[in-house]
Amino acid sequence: MVNFVGAGPGAADLITLRGHKLLSEADVIIYAGSLVNKELLKYAKEEAEIHNSAHMTLEEVIEVVKKAEKEGKSTVRLHTGDSSIYGAIREQIDILKSYGISYDVVPGVSSFCGAAASLKAEYTLPDVSQSVIITRMEGRTPVPERESIRSFAAHNATMVLFLSSGLTEELSRELIAGGYGEETPVAVVYKATWPDEKIFRCTVKTLPETMKKNNITKTALILVGNFLGDSYERSELYNPKFTHEFRKGTH
């Protein structure tokens, strides 16, 4: 049996209870290199066989799993954040299915949630933004043209950018060309919830300068949008005049 486990955004105690249980019981653990806090490996039992997938190909990962299956051992594939976002689990799952190997997926707290918590921010503010776009700049991995930063920027919604820290010159240009104002607020959260977390605030225009000045080139989320500002409307849910299923509003 293989369990894909979301390790959480960084802090070792932000793994789920289910993930912690499976990790502590696993015979074999394959973790996603420097993206996973090594403090999590302290939850493993002493005799667990541990592999760092940063040094492995997909085929090598599968060989480790196959060997574990042959020996009747349980495997945890430990991914950063939540494995459904840039986790590359689909290709692993399809191969496991072809070999008839059972698997399950345990969700984790994504780093985009961890970053919002670190900022004490809410992505969806009434009359500001009711949508969150999770995307990335095109680098060595291509992005479909219909999903370009410029096209998404036209919505002026909240945007969370993964895997884009080394491409901020072009990112800034594309955000502005697409429709974000130059002074739209930006927050850069480096290693959200890790002990060495850092937060930098800037604007779409000053983003490249901020990244360069602070030598941030990887392991950071870039959050864009007016949810980082001070203006918003009060939620209707807790408005005393608002009636819903559980409460009658006053008039």
C-alpha atoms as a PDB file:
ATOM      1  CA  MET A   1       0.000   0.000   0.000  1.00  0.00           C
ATOM      2  CA  VAL A   2       1.268   3.470  -0.895  1.00  0.00           C
ATOM      3  CA  ASN A   3      -0.045   6.584   0.813  1.00  0.00           C
ATOM      4  CA  PHE A   4       0.571   9.967  -0.778  1.00  0.00           C
ATOM      5  CA  VAL A   5       0.720  12.298   2.215  1.00  0.00           C
ATOM      6  CA  GLY A   6       0.635  16.085   2.160  1.00  0.00           C
ATOM      7  CA  ALA A   7       3.373  17.236   4.546  1.00  0.00           C
ATOM      8  CA  GLY A   8       1.835  20.668   5.090  1.00  0.00           C
ATOM      9  CA  PRO A   9       3.373  24.073   4.320  1.00  0.00           C
ATOM     10  CA  GLY A  10       6.512  23.738   6.413  1.00  0.00           C
ATOM     11  CA  ALA A  11       6.031  23.714  10.173  1.00  0.00           C
ATOM     12  CA  ALA A  12       6.279  20.092  11.333  1.00  0.00           C
ATOM     13  CA  ASP A  13       3.138  20.320  13.478  1.00  0.00           C
ATOM     14  CA  LEU A  14       0.985  21.382  10.530  1.00  0.00           C
ATOM     15  CA  ILE A  15       0.787  17.880   9.084  1.00  0.00           C
ATOM     16  CA  THR A  16      -2.676  16.341   9.498  1.00  0.00           C
ATOM     17  CA  LEU A  17      -3.388  13.775  12.217  1.00  0.00           C
ATOM     18  CA  ARG A  18      -3.954  11.134   9.545  1.00  0.00           C
ATOM     19  CA  GLY A  19      -0.738  12.048   7.785  1.00  0.00           C
ATOM     20  CA  HIS A  20       1.199  11.899  11.055  1.00  0.00           C
ATOM     21  CA  LYS A  21      -0.204   8.448  11.863  1.00  0.00           C
ATOM     22  CA  LEU A  22       0.698   7.022   8.462  1.00  0.00           C
ATOM     23  CA  LEU A  23       4.153   8.598   8.554  1.00  0.00           C
ATOM     24  CA  SER A  24       4.882   7.150  11.986  1.00  0.00           C
ATOM     25  CA  GLU A  25       3.787   3.660  10.881  1.00  0.00           C
ATOM     26  CA  ALA A  26       5.432   3.565   7.422  1.00  0.00           C
ATOM     27  CA  ASP A  27       8.131   1.022   6.611  1.00  0.00           C
ATOM     28  CA  VAL A  28       9.389   3.081   3.662  1.00  0.00           C
ATOM     29  CA  ILE A  29       9.278   6.876   3.301  1.00  0.00           C
ATOM     30  CA  ILE A  30      10.056   8.738   0.083  1.00  0.00           C
ATOM     31  CA  TYR A  31      10.092  12.471   0.779  1.00  0.00           C
ATOM     32  CA  ALA A  32      10.303  15.436  -1.583  1.00  0.00           C
ATOM     33  CA  GLY A  33      13.792  16.642  -0.699  1.00  0.00           C
ATOM     34  CA  SER A  34      14.433  20.139   0.641  1.00  0.00           C
ATOM     35  CA  LEU A  35      10.790  21.085   0.046  1.00  0.00           C
ATOM     36  CA  VAL A  36       9.785  18.973   3.051  1.00  0.00           C
ATOM     37  CA  ASN A  37      10.850  19.998   6.546  1.00  0.00           C
ATOM     38  CA  LYS A  38      13.207  17.258   7.774  1.00  0.00           C
ATOM     39  CA  GLU A  39      11.740  17.683  11.269  1.00  0.00           C
ATOM     40  CA  LEU A  40       8.843  15.608   9.925  1.00  0.00           C
ATOM     41  CA  LEU A  41      11.160  12.638   9.504  1.00  0.00           C
ATOM     42  CA  LYS A  42      11.517  12.514  13.284  1.00  0.00           C
ATOM     43  CA  TYR A  43       7.986  11.098  13.321  1.00  0.00           C
ATOM     44  CA  ALA A  44       9.234   8.029  11.417  1.00  0.00           C
ATOM     45  CA  LYS A  45       9.929   4.822  13.279  1.00  0.00           C
ATOM     46  CA  GLU A  46      13.607   4.077  13.871  1.00  0.00           C
ATOM     47  CA  GLU A  47      13.806   1.192  11.418  1.00  0.00           C
ATOM     48  CA  ALA A  48      12.019   3.016   8.556  1.00  0.00           C
ATOM     49  CA  GLU A  49      13.810   3.110   5.219  1.00  0.00           C
ATOM     50  CA  ILE A  50      14.016   6.746   4.076  1.00  0.00           C
ATOM     51  CA  HIS A  51      14.660   8.054   0.549  1.00  0.00           C
ATOM     52  CA  ASN A  52      15.126  11.635  -0.685  1.00  0.00           C
ATOM     53  CA  SER A  53      13.345  11.877  -4.048  1.00  0.00           C
ATOM     54  CA  ALA A  54      15.274  15.035  -5.001  1.00  0.00           C
ATOM     55  CA  HIS A  55      18.036  12.685  -6.145  1.00  0.00           C
ATOM     56  CA  MET A  56      15.708  10.227  -7.867  1.00  0.00           C
ATOM     57  CA  THR A  57      13.890   9.895 -11.172  1.00  0.00           C
ATOM     58  CA  LEU A  58      10.249   8.841 -11.385  1.00  0.00           C
ATOM     59  CA  GLU A  59      11.389   5.381 -12.430  1.00  0.00           C
ATOM     60  CA  GLU A  60      13.678   5.092  -9.403  1.00  0.00           C
ATOM     61  CA  VAL A  61      10.848   6.119  -7.066  1.00  0.00           C
ATOM     62  CA  ILE A  62       8.637   3.431  -8.558  1.00  0.00           C
ATOM     63  CA  GLU A  63      11.359   0.796  -8.170  1.00  0.00           C
ATOM     64  CA  VAL A  64      11.589   1.578  -4.439  1.00  0.00           C
ATOM     65  CA  VAL A  65       7.796   1.227  -4.157  1.00  0.00           C
ATOM     66  CA  LYS A  66       7.780  -2.051  -6.092  1.00  0.00           C
ATOM     67  CA  LYS A  67      10.495  -3.485  -3.852  1.00  0.00           C
ATOM     68  CA  ALA A  68       8.542  -2.435  -0.739  1.00  0.00           C
ATOM     69  CA  GLU A  69       5.385  -4.051  -2.117  1.00  0.00           C
ATOM     70  CA  LYS A  70       7.232  -7.284  -2.850  1.00  0.00           C
ATOM     71  CA  GLU A  71       8.461  -7.332   0.751  1.00  0.00           C
ATOM     72  CA  GLY A  72       4.997  -6.579   2.155  1.00  0.00           C
ATOM     73  CA  LYS A  73       5.986  -3.142   3.411  1.00  0.00           C
ATOM     74  CA  SER A  74       3.911   0.057   3.583  1.00  0.00           C
ATOM     75  CA  THR A  75       5.145   3.188   1.804  1.00  0.00           C
ATOM     76  CA  VAL A  76       4.501   6.874   2.426  1.00  0.00           C
ATOM     77  CA  ARG A  77       5.237   9.248  -0.441  1.00  0.00           C
ATOM     78  CA  LEU A  78       5.641  12.521   1.451  1.00  0.00           C
ATOM     79  CA  HIS A  79       4.897  15.588  -0.672  1.00  0.00           C
ATOM     80  CA  THR A  80       5.182  19.240   0.263  1.00  0.00           C
ATOM     81  CA  GLY A  81       2.012  21.190   1.115  1.00  0.00           C
ATOM     82  CA  ASP A  82      -0.913  19.430  -0.508  1.00  0.00           C
ATOM     83  CA  SER A  83       0.008  17.014  -3.275  1.00  0.00           C
ATOM     84  CA  SER A  84      -2.830  18.170  -5.537  1.00  0.00           C
ATOM     85  CA  ILE A  85      -1.009  21.446  -6.320  1.00  0.00           C
ATOM     86  CA  TYR A  86       2.172  21.038  -8.393  1.00  0.00           C
ATOM     87  CA  GLY A  87       2.709  17.675  -6.712  1.00  0.00           C
ATOM     88  CA  ALA A  88       3.292  15.553  -9.843  1.00  0.00           C
ATOM     89  CA  ILE A  89       1.310  12.701  -8.289  1.00  0.00           C
ATOM     90  CA  ARG A  90      -0.834  11.816 -11.317  1.00  0.00           C
ATOM     91  CA  GLU A  91       2.094  10.261 -13.177  1.00  0.00           C
ATOM     92  CA  GLN A  92       3.008   8.216 -10.100  1.00  0.00           C
ATOM     93  CA  ILE A  93      -0.581   7.069  -9.582  1.00  0.00           C
ATOM     94  CA  ASP A  94      -0.959   5.956 -13.202  1.00  0.00           C
ATOM     95  CA  ILE A  95       2.160   3.788 -12.957  1.00  0.00           C
ATOM     96  CA  LEU A  96       1.024   2.293  -9.634  1.00  0.00           C
ATOM     97  CA  LYS A  97      -2.321   1.428 -11.239  1.00  0.00           C
ATOM     98  CA  SER A  98      -0.544  -0.286 -14.130  1.00  0.00           C
ATOM     99  CA  TYR A  99       1.260  -2.526 -11.618  1.00  0.00           C
ATOM    100  CA  GLY A 100      -1.888  -3.147  -9.585  1.00  0.00           C
ATOM    101  CA  ILE A 101      -0.408  -1.448  -6.507  1.00  0.00           C
ATOM    102  CA  SER A 102      -2.973  -0.027  -4.074  1.00  0.00           C
ATOM    103  CA  TYR A 103      -2.675   3.630  -3.086  1.00  0.00           C
ATOM    104  CA  ASP A 104      -4.482   6.386  -1.247  1.00  0.00           C
ATOM    105  CA  VAL A 105      -4.101  10.168  -0.998  1.00  0.00           C
ATOM    106  CA  VAL A 106      -4.075  12.155   2.250  1.00  0.00           C
ATOM    107  CA  PRO A 107      -4.608  15.912   1.828  1.00  0.00           C
ATOM    108  CA  GLY A 108      -2.287  18.435   3.404  1.00  0.00           C
ATOM    109  CA  VAL A 109      -2.300  22.129   4.251  1.00  0.00           C
ATOM    110  CA  SER A 110      -1.074  23.901   1.118  1.00  0.00           C
ATOM    111  CA  SER A 111       1.591  26.576   1.380  1.00  0.00           C
ATOM    112  CA  PHE A 112      -0.871  29.100  -0.070  1.00  0.00           C
ATOM    113  CA  CYS A 113      -2.967  28.560   3.061  1.00  0.00           C
ATOM    114  CA  GLY A 114       0.129  28.751   5.228  1.00  0.00           C
ATOM    115  CA  ALA A 115       1.148  32.020   3.579  1.00  0.00           C
ATOM    116  CA  ALA A 116      -2.263  33.598   4.223  1.00  0.00           C
ATOM    117  CA  ALA A 117      -2.072  32.517   7.861  1.00  0.00           C
ATOM    118  CA  SER A 118       1.394  34.046   8.206  1.00  0.00           C
ATOM    119  CA  LEU A 119       0.077  37.299   6.745  1.00  0.00           C
ATOM    120  CA  LYS A 120      -3.089  37.039   8.860  1.00  0.00           C
ATOM    121  CA  ALA A 121      -4.911  37.769   5.622  1.00  0.00           C
ATOM    122  CA  GLU A 122      -8.151  36.676   3.958  1.00  0.00           C
ATOM    123  CA  TYR A 123      -8.004  36.028   0.224  1.00  0.00           C
ATOM    124  CA  THR A 124     -11.729  36.540  -0.362  1.00  0.00           C
ATOM    125  CA  LEU A 125     -12.949  39.907   0.875  1.00  0.00           C
ATOM    126  CA  PRO A 126     -16.442  41.235   0.042  1.00  0.00           C
ATOM    127  CA  ASP A 127     -16.360  43.847  -2.734  1.00  0.00           C
ATOM    128  CA  VAL A 128     -12.609  43.255  -3.241  1.00  0.00           C
ATOM    129  CA  SER A 129     -12.092  39.720  -4.543  1.00  0.00           C
ATOM    130  CA  GLN A 130     -14.197  36.578  -4.424  1.00  0.00           C
ATOM    131  CA  SER A 131     -11.834  34.396  -6.445  1.00  0.00           C
ATOM    132  CA  VAL A 132      -8.316  33.051  -5.971  1.00  0.00           C
ATOM    133  CA  ILE A 133      -6.205  32.248  -9.024  1.00  0.00           C
ATOM    134  CA  ILE A 134      -3.428  29.749  -8.280  1.00  0.00           C
ATOM    135  CA  THR A 135      -0.898  29.688 -11.086  1.00  0.00           C
ATOM    136  CA  ARG A 136       2.756  29.960 -12.064  1.00  0.00           C
ATOM    137  CA  MET A 137       5.003  31.737 -14.531  1.00  0.00           C
ATOM    138  CA  GLU A 138       6.150  29.794 -17.550  1.00  0.00           C
ATOM    139  CA  GLY A 139       9.710  28.597 -17.056  1.00  0.00           C
ATOM    140  CA  ARG A 140      11.261  25.339 -18.199  1.00  0.00           C
ATOM    141  CA  THR A 141       7.811  23.806 -17.717  1.00  0.00           C
ATOM    142  CA  PRO A 142       5.435  25.356 -20.283  1.00  0.00           C
ATOM    143  CA  VAL A 143       2.060  26.888 -19.402  1.00  0.00           C
ATOM    144  CA  PRO A 144      -0.901  26.714 -21.837  1.00  0.00           C
ATOM    145  CA  GLU A 145      -1.269  30.018 -23.696  1.00  0.00           C
ATOM    146  CA  ARG A 146      -4.882  30.335 -22.540  1.00  0.00           C
ATOM    147  CA  GLU A 147      -3.581  30.378 -18.953  1.00  0.00           C
ATOM    148  CA  SER A 148      -1.050  33.156 -19.343  1.00  0.00           C
ATOM    149  CA  ILE A 149      -0.384  35.536 -16.440  1.00  0.00           C
ATOM    150  CA  ARG A 150      -1.534  38.398 -18.647  1.00  0.00           C
ATOM    151  CA  SER A 151      -4.930  36.804 -19.315  1.00  0.00           C
ATOM    152  CA  PHE A 152      -5.493  35.987 -15.640  1.00  0.00           C
ATOM    153  CA  ALA A 153      -4.427  39.487 -14.576  1.00  0.00           C
ATOM    154  CA  ALA A 154      -7.377  40.931 -16.485  1.00  0.00           C
ATOM    155  CA  HIS A 155      -9.674  39.669 -13.714  1.00  0.00           C
ATOM    156  CA  ASN A 156      -7.919  41.686 -10.992  1.00  0.00           C
ATOM    157  CA  ALA A 157      -8.744  38.817  -8.636  1.00  0.00           C
ATOM    158  CA  THR A 158      -6.473  37.538  -5.878  1.00  0.00           C
ATOM    159  CA  MET A 159      -3.517  35.736  -7.460  1.00  0.00           C
ATOM    160  CA  VAL A 160      -1.158  33.255  -5.817  1.00  0.00           C
ATOM    161  CA  LEU A 161       1.974  32.425  -7.766  1.00  0.00           C
ATOM    162  CA  PHE A 162       3.984  29.286  -7.141  1.00  0.00           C
ATOM    163  CA  LEU A 163       7.372  28.485  -8.701  1.00  0.00           C
ATOM    164  CA  SER A 164       7.896  32.009 -10.011  1.00  0.00           C
ATOM    165  CA  SER A 165      10.449  33.604  -7.681  1.00  0.00           C
ATOM    166  CA  GLY A 166      13.230  33.635 -10.253  1.00  0.00           C
ATOM    167  CA  LEU A 167      11.105  35.202 -12.992  1.00  0.00           C
ATOM    168  CA  THR A 168       9.803  38.389 -11.387  1.00  0.00           C
ATOM    169  CA  GLU A 169      11.005  40.895 -14.013  1.00  0.00           C
ATOM    170  CA  GLU A 170       8.764  39.292 -16.615  1.00  0.00           C
ATOM    171  CA  LEU A 171       6.064  38.556 -14.040  1.00  0.00           C
ATOM    172  CA  SER A 172       5.786  42.218 -13.090  1.00  0.00           C
ATOM    173  CA  ARG A 173       5.506  43.245 -16.757  1.00  0.00           C
ATOM    174  CA  GLU A 174       2.835  40.627 -17.469  1.00  0.00           C
ATOM    175  CA  LEU A 175       0.765  41.533 -14.412  1.00  0.00           C
ATOM    176  CA  ILE A 176       0.742  45.200 -15.388  1.00  0.00           C
ATOM    177  CA  ALA A 177       0.087  44.477 -19.084  1.00  0.00           C
ATOM    178  CA  GLY A 178      -2.832  42.267 -18.091  1.00  0.00           C
ATOM    179  CA  GLY A 179      -4.586  44.847 -15.941  1.00  0.00           C
ATOM    180  CA  TYR A 180      -3.185  45.103 -12.421  1.00  0.00           C
ATOM    181  CA  GLY A 181      -2.252  48.662 -11.468  1.00  0.00           C
ATOM    182  CA  GLU A 182       1.427  49.302 -10.777  1.00  0.00           C
ATOM    183  CA  GLU A 183       0.614  50.073  -7.132  1.00  0.00           C
ATOM    184  CA  THR A 184      -1.394  46.888  -6.552  1.00  0.00           C
ATOM    185  CA  PRO A 185      -0.071  45.426  -3.285  1.00  0.00           C
ATOM    186  CA  VAL A 186       2.077  42.306  -3.294  1.00  0.00           C
ATOM    187  CA  ALA A 187       3.310  40.092  -0.474  1.00  0.00           C
ATOM    188  CA  VAL A 188       6.209  37.690  -0.880  1.00  0.00           C
ATOM    189  CA  VAL A 189       6.236  34.897   1.686  1.00  0.00           C
ATOM    190  CA  TYR A 190       9.505  32.982   1.765  1.00  0.00           C
ATOM    191  CA  LYS A 191       9.212  29.478   3.297  1.00  0.00           C
ATOM    192  CA  ALA A 192       5.774  30.046   4.804  1.00  0.00           C
ATOM    193  CA  THR A 193       5.456  28.642   8.364  1.00  0.00           C
ATOM    194  CA  TRP A 194       9.069  27.385   8.419  1.00  0.00           C
ATOM    195  CA  PRO A 195      11.296  28.610  11.289  1.00  0.00           C
ATOM    196  CA  ASP A 196      13.204  30.825   8.821  1.00  0.00           C
ATOM    197  CA  GLU A 197      10.092  32.315   7.209  1.00  0.00           C
ATOM    198  CA  LYS A 198      10.432  35.831   5.801  1.00  0.00           C
ATOM    199  CA  ILE A 199       7.752  38.248   4.578  1.00  0.00           C
ATOM    200  CA  PHE A 200       8.288  41.146   2.205  1.00  0.00           C
ATOM    201  CA  ARG A 201       5.639  43.646   1.120  1.00  0.00           C
ATOM    202  CA  CYS A 202       5.868  45.657  -2.067  1.00  0.00           C
ATOM    203  CA  THR A 203       3.829  46.473  -5.180  1.00  0.00           C
ATOM    204  CA  VAL A 204       3.533  44.896  -8.606  1.00  0.00           C
ATOM    205  CA  LYS A 205       5.940  47.532  -9.914  1.00  0.00           C
ATOM    206  CA  THR A 206       8.565  47.126  -7.178  1.00  0.00           C
ATOM    207  CA  LEU A 207       8.369  43.317  -6.988  1.00  0.00           C
ATOM    208  CA  PRO A 208      11.566  42.584  -9.007  1.00  0.00           C
ATOM    209  CA  GLU A 209      13.560  45.118  -6.995  1.00  0.00           C
ATOM    210  CA  THR A 210      12.284  43.659  -3.705  1.00  0.00           C
ATOM    211  CA  MET A 211      13.203  40.114  -4.724  1.00  0.00           C
ATOM    212  CA  LYS A 212      16.663  41.159  -5.895  1.00  0.00           C
ATOM    213  CA  LYS A 213      17.358  43.277  -2.805  1.00  0.00           C
ATOM    214  CA  ASN A 214      16.469  40.395  -0.486  1.00  0.00           C
ATOM    215  CA  ASN A 215      18.080  37.688  -2.632  1.00  0.00           C
ATOM    216  CA  ILE A 216      14.880  35.641  -2.941  1.00  0.00           C
ATOM    217  CA  THR A 217      15.099  33.304  -5.926  1.00  0.00           C
ATOM    218  CA  LYS A 218      13.153  30.215  -4.825  1.00  0.00           C
ATOM    219  CA  THR A 219      10.885  28.655  -2.162  1.00  0.00           C
ATOM    220  CA  ALA A 220       8.616  31.705  -2.001  1.00  0.00           C
ATOM    221  CA  LEU A 221       4.993  32.426  -2.820  1.00  0.00           C
ATOM    222  CA  ILE A 222       4.046  35.691  -4.492  1.00  0.00           C
ATOM    223  CA  LEU A 223       0.584  36.961  -3.523  1.00  0.00           C
ATOM    224  CA  VAL A 224      -0.999  39.711  -5.592  1.00  0.00           C
ATOM    225  CA  GLY A 225      -4.176  41.693  -5.072  1.00  0.00           C
ATOM    226  CA  ASN A 226      -6.136  44.288  -3.182  1.00  0.00           C
ATOM    227  CA  PHE A 227      -7.006  41.756  -0.479  1.00  0.00           C
ATOM    228  CA  LEU A 228      -3.700  43.007   0.963  1.00  0.00           C
ATOM    229  CA  GLY A 229      -5.140  46.522   1.256  1.00  0.00           C
ATOM    230  CA  ASP A 230      -7.340  48.067   3.941  1.00  0.00           C
ATOM    231  CA  SER A 231     -10.663  48.584   2.123  1.00  0.00           C
ATOM    232  CA  TYR A 232     -13.449  45.998   2.042  1.00  0.00           C
ATOM    233  CA  GLU A 233     -17.163  45.608   2.745  1.00  0.00           C
ATOM    234  CA  ARG A 234     -18.525  43.915   5.854  1.00  0.00           C
ATOM    235  CA  SER A 235     -19.701  40.334   5.367  1.00  0.00           C
ATOM    236  CA  GLU A 236     -23.480  39.913   5.144  1.00  0.00           C
ATOM    237  CA  LEU A 237     -23.314  36.629   7.057  1.00  0.00           C
ATOM    238  CA  TYR A 238     -22.859  38.374  10.410  1.00  0.00           C
ATOM    239  CA  ASN A 239     -24.818  41.522   9.565  1.00  0.00           C
ATOM    240  CA  PRO A 240     -27.635  41.874  12.154  1.00  0.00           C
ATOM    241  CA  LYS A 241     -30.040  42.843   9.331  1.00  0.00           C
ATOM    242  CA  PHE A 242     -29.274  39.744   7.280  1.00  0.00           C
ATOM    243  CA  THR A 243     -31.666  36.779   7.518  1.00  0.00           C
ATOM    244  CA  HIS A 244     -30.499  33.234   6.857  1.00  0.00           C
ATOM    245  CA  GLU A 245     -31.418  29.654   7.793  1.00  0.00           C
ATOM    246  CA  PHE A 246     -30.210  29.923  11.390  1.00  0.00           C
ATOM    247  CA  ARG A 247     -31.045  33.525  12.292  1.00  0.00           C
ATOM    248  CA  LYS A 248     -33.717  36.126  11.537  1.00  0.00           C
ATOM    249  CA  GLY A 249     -32.374  39.556  10.773  1.00  0.00           C
ATOM    250  CA  THR A 250     -33.530  42.754  12.464  1.00  0.00           C
ATOM    251  CA  HIS A 251     -35.200  45.527  10.468  1.00  0.00           C
END
